[in-house]
Amino acid sequence: MKIPFRATRAYAHRHMAYAALRSDSSLAVRLERYNRHMAEARRLARREVSA
């Protein structure tokens, strides 16, 4: 079974979001990175469901 490309990208963005929370940066930077990656993961997941 082949995993759709968008699903793997969404997974990667979720992983990057969680990694951003653990990075050695200020809280504001970590939160901004987390929110940006989670928004992209949600957008990709929505596109996957509608496709």
PDB file of N, CA and C in Angstrom:
ATOM      1  N   MET A   1       0.840  -1.183   0.000  1.00  0.00           N
ATOM      2  CA  MET A   1       0.000   0.000   0.000  1.00  0.00           C
ATOM      3  C   MET A   1       0.883   1.244   0.000  1.00  0.00           C
ATOM      4  N   LYS A   2       0.628   2.117  -0.942  1.00  0.00           N
ATOM      5  CA  LYS A   2       1.416   3.345  -1.068  1.00  0.00           C
ATOM      6  C   LYS A   2       0.732   4.475  -0.303  1.00  0.00           C
ATOM      7  N   ILE A   3       1.504   5.199   0.496  1.00  0.00           N
ATOM      8  CA  ILE A   3       0.968   6.322   1.266  1.00  0.00           C
ATOM      9  C   ILE A   3       0.982   7.562   0.379  1.00  0.00           C
ATOM     10  N   PRO A   4      -0.143   8.282   0.311  1.00  0.00           N
ATOM     11  CA  PRO A   4      -0.183   9.488  -0.528  1.00  0.00           C
ATOM     12  C   PRO A   4       0.864  10.509  -0.092  1.00  0.00           C
ATOM     13  N   PHE A   5       1.404  11.226  -1.078  1.00  0.00           N
ATOM     14  CA  PHE A   5       2.459  12.198  -0.824  1.00  0.00           C
ATOM     15  C   PHE A   5       2.006  13.266   0.166  1.00  0.00           C
ATOM     16  N   ARG A   6       0.770  13.746   0.038  1.00  0.00           N
ATOM     17  CA  ARG A   6       0.285  14.786   0.951  1.00  0.00           C
ATOM     18  C   ARG A   6       0.239  14.285   2.385  1.00  0.00           C
ATOM     19  N   ALA A   7      -0.118  13.016   2.559  1.00  0.00           N
ATOM     20  CA  ALA A   7      -0.181  12.457   3.911  1.00  0.00           C
ATOM     21  C   ALA A   7       1.206  12.424   4.536  1.00  0.00           C
ATOM     22  N   THR A   8       2.217  12.087   3.748  1.00  0.00           N
ATOM     23  CA  THR A   8       3.570  12.064   4.305  1.00  0.00           C
ATOM     24  C   THR A   8       4.051  13.476   4.601  1.00  0.00           C
ATOM     25  N   ARG A   9       3.662  14.443   3.767  1.00  0.00           N
ATOM     26  CA  ARG A   9       4.029  15.835   4.041  1.00  0.00           C
ATOM     27  C   ARG A   9       3.332  16.328   5.296  1.00  0.00           C
ATOM     28  N   ALA A  10       2.064  15.966   5.484  1.00  0.00           N
ATOM     29  CA  ALA A  10       1.338  16.375   6.692  1.00  0.00           C
ATOM     30  C   ALA A  10       2.010  15.769   7.924  1.00  0.00           C
ATOM     31  N   TYR A  11       2.389  14.502   7.835  1.00  0.00           N
ATOM     32  CA  TYR A  11       3.089  13.847   8.937  1.00  0.00           C
ATOM     33  C   TYR A  11       4.403  14.567   9.236  1.00  0.00           C
ATOM     34  N   ALA A  12       5.136  14.925   8.192  1.00  0.00           N
ATOM     35  CA  ALA A  12       6.418  15.611   8.373  1.00  0.00           C
ATOM     36  C   ALA A  12       6.223  16.966   9.046  1.00  0.00           C
ATOM     37  N   HIS A  13       5.174  17.683   8.658  1.00  0.00           N
ATOM     38  CA  HIS A  13       4.929  18.991   9.280  1.00  0.00           C
ATOM     39  C   HIS A  13       4.508  18.841  10.742  1.00  0.00           C
ATOM     40  N   ARG A  14       3.740  17.804  11.051  1.00  0.00           N
ATOM     41  CA  ARG A  14       3.403  17.562  12.471  1.00  0.00           C
ATOM     42  C   ARG A  14       4.666  17.257  13.263  1.00  0.00           C
ATOM     43  N   HIS A  15       5.539  16.457  12.698  1.00  0.00           N
ATOM     44  CA  HIS A  15       6.793  16.114  13.362  1.00  0.00           C
ATOM     45  C   HIS A  15       7.649  17.368  13.574  1.00  0.00           C
ATOM     46  N   MET A  16       7.733  18.218  12.553  1.00  0.00           N
ATOM     47  CA  MET A  16       8.496  19.469  12.687  1.00  0.00           C
ATOM     48  C   MET A  16       7.872  20.383  13.727  1.00  0.00           C
ATOM     49  N   ALA A  17       6.547  20.376  13.837  1.00  0.00           N
ATOM     50  CA  ALA A  17       5.873  21.212  14.837  1.00  0.00           C
ATOM     51  C   ALA A  17       6.252  20.770  16.245  1.00  0.00           C
ATOM     52  N   TYR A  18       6.229  19.462  16.483  1.00  0.00           N
ATOM     53  CA  TYR A  18       6.589  18.969  17.820  1.00  0.00           C
ATOM     54  C   TYR A  18       8.071  19.196  18.105  1.00  0.00           C
ATOM     55  N   ALA A  19       8.901  19.085  17.082  1.00  0.00           N
ATOM     56  CA  ALA A  19      10.326  19.355  17.262  1.00  0.00           C
ATOM     57  C   ALA A  19      10.559  20.827  17.583  1.00  0.00           C
ATOM     58  N   ALA A  20       9.759  21.694  17.001  1.00  0.00           N
ATOM     59  CA  ALA A  20       9.898  23.131  17.255  1.00  0.00           C
ATOM     60  C   ALA A  20       9.652  23.449  18.728  1.00  0.00           C
ATOM     61  N   LEU A  21       8.739  22.713  19.349  1.00  0.00           N
ATOM     62  CA  LEU A  21       8.456  22.954  20.768  1.00  0.00           C
ATOM     63  C   LEU A  21       9.643  22.598  21.651  1.00  0.00           C
ATOM     64  N   ARG A  22      10.455  21.651  21.198  1.00  0.00           N
ATOM     65  CA  ARG A  22      11.596  21.202  21.999  1.00  0.00           C
ATOM     66  C   ARG A  22      12.904  21.887  21.617  1.00  0.00           C
ATOM     67  N   SER A  23      12.852  22.820  20.661  1.00  0.00           N
ATOM     68  CA  SER A  23      14.088  23.457  20.199  1.00  0.00           C
ATOM     69  C   SER A  23      14.631  24.432  21.244  1.00  0.00           C
ATOM     70  N   ASP A  24      15.872  24.799  21.039  1.00  0.00           N
ATOM     71  CA  ASP A  24      16.555  25.702  21.968  1.00  0.00           C
ATOM     72  C   ASP A  24      16.395  27.142  21.474  1.00  0.00           C
ATOM     73  N   SER A  25      15.159  27.628  21.521  1.00  0.00           N
ATOM     74  CA  SER A  25      14.832  28.984  21.077  1.00  0.00           C
ATOM     75  C   SER A  25      13.903  29.609  22.106  1.00  0.00           C
ATOM     76  N   SER A  26      13.614  30.880  21.899  1.00  0.00           N
ATOM     77  CA  SER A  26      12.691  31.543  22.821  1.00  0.00           C
ATOM     78  C   SER A  26      11.291  30.952  22.670  1.00  0.00           C
ATOM     79  N   LEU A  27      10.483  31.135  23.672  1.00  0.00           N
ATOM     80  CA  LEU A  27       9.122  30.608  23.646  1.00  0.00           C
ATOM     81  C   LEU A  27       8.339  31.174  22.464  1.00  0.00           C
ATOM     82  N   ALA A  28       8.492  32.462  22.193  1.00  0.00           N
ATOM     83  CA  ALA A  28       7.767  33.088  21.084  1.00  0.00           C
ATOM     84  C   ALA A  28       8.144  32.447  19.745  1.00  0.00           C
ATOM     85  N   VAL A  29       9.419  32.191  19.544  1.00  0.00           N
ATOM     86  CA  VAL A  29       9.878  31.576  18.296  1.00  0.00           C
ATOM     87  C   VAL A  29       9.370  30.145  18.202  1.00  0.00           C
ATOM     88  N   ARG A  30       9.461  29.396  19.292  1.00  0.00           N
ATOM     89  CA  ARG A  30       8.980  28.008  19.277  1.00  0.00           C
ATOM     90  C   ARG A  30       7.493  27.945  18.969  1.00  0.00           C
ATOM     91  N   LEU A  31       6.710  28.825  19.578  1.00  0.00           N
ATOM     92  CA  LEU A  31       5.264  28.830  19.354  1.00  0.00           C
ATOM     93  C   LEU A  31       4.931  29.226  17.919  1.00  0.00           C
ATOM     94  N   GLU A  32       5.649  30.194  17.380  1.00  0.00           N
ATOM     95  CA  GLU A  32       5.409  30.624  16.002  1.00  0.00           C
ATOM     96  C   GLU A  32       5.709  29.491  15.026  1.00  0.00           C
ATOM     97  N   ARG A  33       6.820  28.786  15.241  1.00  0.00           N
ATOM     98  CA  ARG A  33       7.174  27.647  14.372  1.00  0.00           C
ATOM     99  C   ARG A  33       6.155  26.525  14.505  1.00  0.00           C
ATOM    100  N   TYR A  34       5.757  26.226  15.740  1.00  0.00           N
ATOM    101  CA  TYR A  34       4.765  25.173  15.975  1.00  0.00           C
ATOM    102  C   TYR A  34       3.462  25.504  15.232  1.00  0.00           C
ATOM    103  N   ASN A  35       2.979  26.725  15.414  1.00  0.00           N
ATOM    104  CA  ASN A  35       1.717  27.124  14.776  1.00  0.00           C
ATOM    105  C   ASN A  35       1.813  27.088  13.255  1.00  0.00           C
ATOM    106  N   ARG A  36       2.942  27.520  12.713  1.00  0.00           N
ATOM    107  CA  ARG A  36       3.117  27.519  11.252  1.00  0.00           C
ATOM    108  C   ARG A  36       3.093  26.097  10.709  1.00  0.00           C
ATOM    109  N   HIS A  37       3.812  25.187  11.354  1.00  0.00           N
ATOM    110  CA  HIS A  37       3.856  23.804  10.866  1.00  0.00           C
ATOM    111  C   HIS A  37       2.527  23.083  11.076  1.00  0.00           C
ATOM    112  N   MET A  38       1.848  23.334  12.175  1.00  0.00           N
ATOM    113  CA  MET A  38       0.554  22.684  12.392  1.00  0.00           C
ATOM    114  C   MET A  38      -0.492  23.204  11.417  1.00  0.00           C
ATOM    115  N   ALA A  39      -0.442  24.486  11.098  1.00  0.00           N
ATOM    116  CA  ALA A  39      -1.383  25.031  10.115  1.00  0.00           C
ATOM    117  C   ALA A  39      -1.172  24.365   8.755  1.00  0.00           C
ATOM    118  N   GLU A  40       0.076  24.182   8.375  1.00  0.00           N
ATOM    119  CA  GLU A  40       0.372  23.523   7.098  1.00  0.00           C
ATOM    120  C   GLU A  40      -0.063  22.052   7.142  1.00  0.00           C
ATOM    121  N   ALA A  41       0.153  21.377   8.249  1.00  0.00           N
ATOM    122  CA  ALA A  41      -0.275  19.975   8.373  1.00  0.00           C
ATOM    123  C   ALA A  41      -1.791  19.865   8.264  1.00  0.00           C
ATOM    124  N   ARG A  42      -2.507  20.778   8.912  1.00  0.00           N
ATOM    125  CA  ARG A  42      -3.976  20.763   8.822  1.00  0.00           C
ATOM    126  C   ARG A  42      -4.437  21.036   7.388  1.00  0.00           C
ATOM    127  N   ARG A  43      -3.781  21.986   6.723  1.00  0.00           N
ATOM    128  CA  ARG A  43      -4.144  22.313   5.344  1.00  0.00           C
ATOM    129  C   ARG A  43      -3.939  21.102   4.430  1.00  0.00           C
ATOM    130  N   LEU A  44      -2.817  20.426   4.580  1.00  0.00           N
ATOM    131  CA  LEU A  44      -2.546  19.231   3.774  1.00  0.00           C
ATOM    132  C   LEU A  44      -3.527  18.115   4.082  1.00  0.00           C
ATOM    133  N   ALA A  45      -3.873  17.948   5.345  1.00  0.00           N
ATOM    134  CA  ALA A  45      -4.828  16.896   5.720  1.00  0.00           C
ATOM    135  C   ALA A  45      -6.203  17.176   5.125  1.00  0.00           C
ATOM    136  N   ARG A  46      -6.615  18.447   5.134  1.00  0.00           N
ATOM    137  CA  ARG A  46      -7.901  18.806   4.540  1.00  0.00           C
ATOM    138  C   ARG A  46      -7.900  18.515   3.051  1.00  0.00           C
ATOM    139  N   ARG A  47      -6.807  18.842   2.369  1.00  0.00           N
ATOM    140  CA  ARG A  47      -6.708  18.570   0.934  1.00  0.00           C
ATOM    141  C   ARG A  47      -6.748  17.076   0.663  1.00  0.00           C
ATOM    142  N   GLU A  48      -6.149  16.285   1.545  1.00  0.00           N
ATOM    143  CA  GLU A  48      -6.134  14.830   1.367  1.00  0.00           C
ATOM    144  C   GLU A  48      -7.539  14.254   1.498  1.00  0.00           C
ATOM    145  N   VAL A  49      -8.299  14.756   2.455  1.00  0.00           N
ATOM    146  CA  VAL A  49      -9.668  14.261   2.668  1.00  0.00           C
ATOM    147  C   VAL A  49     -10.569  14.644   1.500  1.00  0.00           C
ATOM    148  N   SER A  50     -10.405  15.855   1.002  1.00  0.00           N
ATOM    149  CA  SER A  50     -11.279  16.318  -0.095  1.00  0.00           C
ATOM    150  C   SER A  50     -10.877  15.762  -1.456  1.00  0.00           C
ATOM    151  N   ALA A  51      -9.662  15.237  -1.572  1.00  0.00           N
ATOM    152  CA  ALA A  51      -9.199  14.727  -2.885  1.00  0.00           C
ATOM    153  C   ALA A  51      -9.737  13.358  -3.187  1.00  0.00           C
TER     154      ALA A  51
END
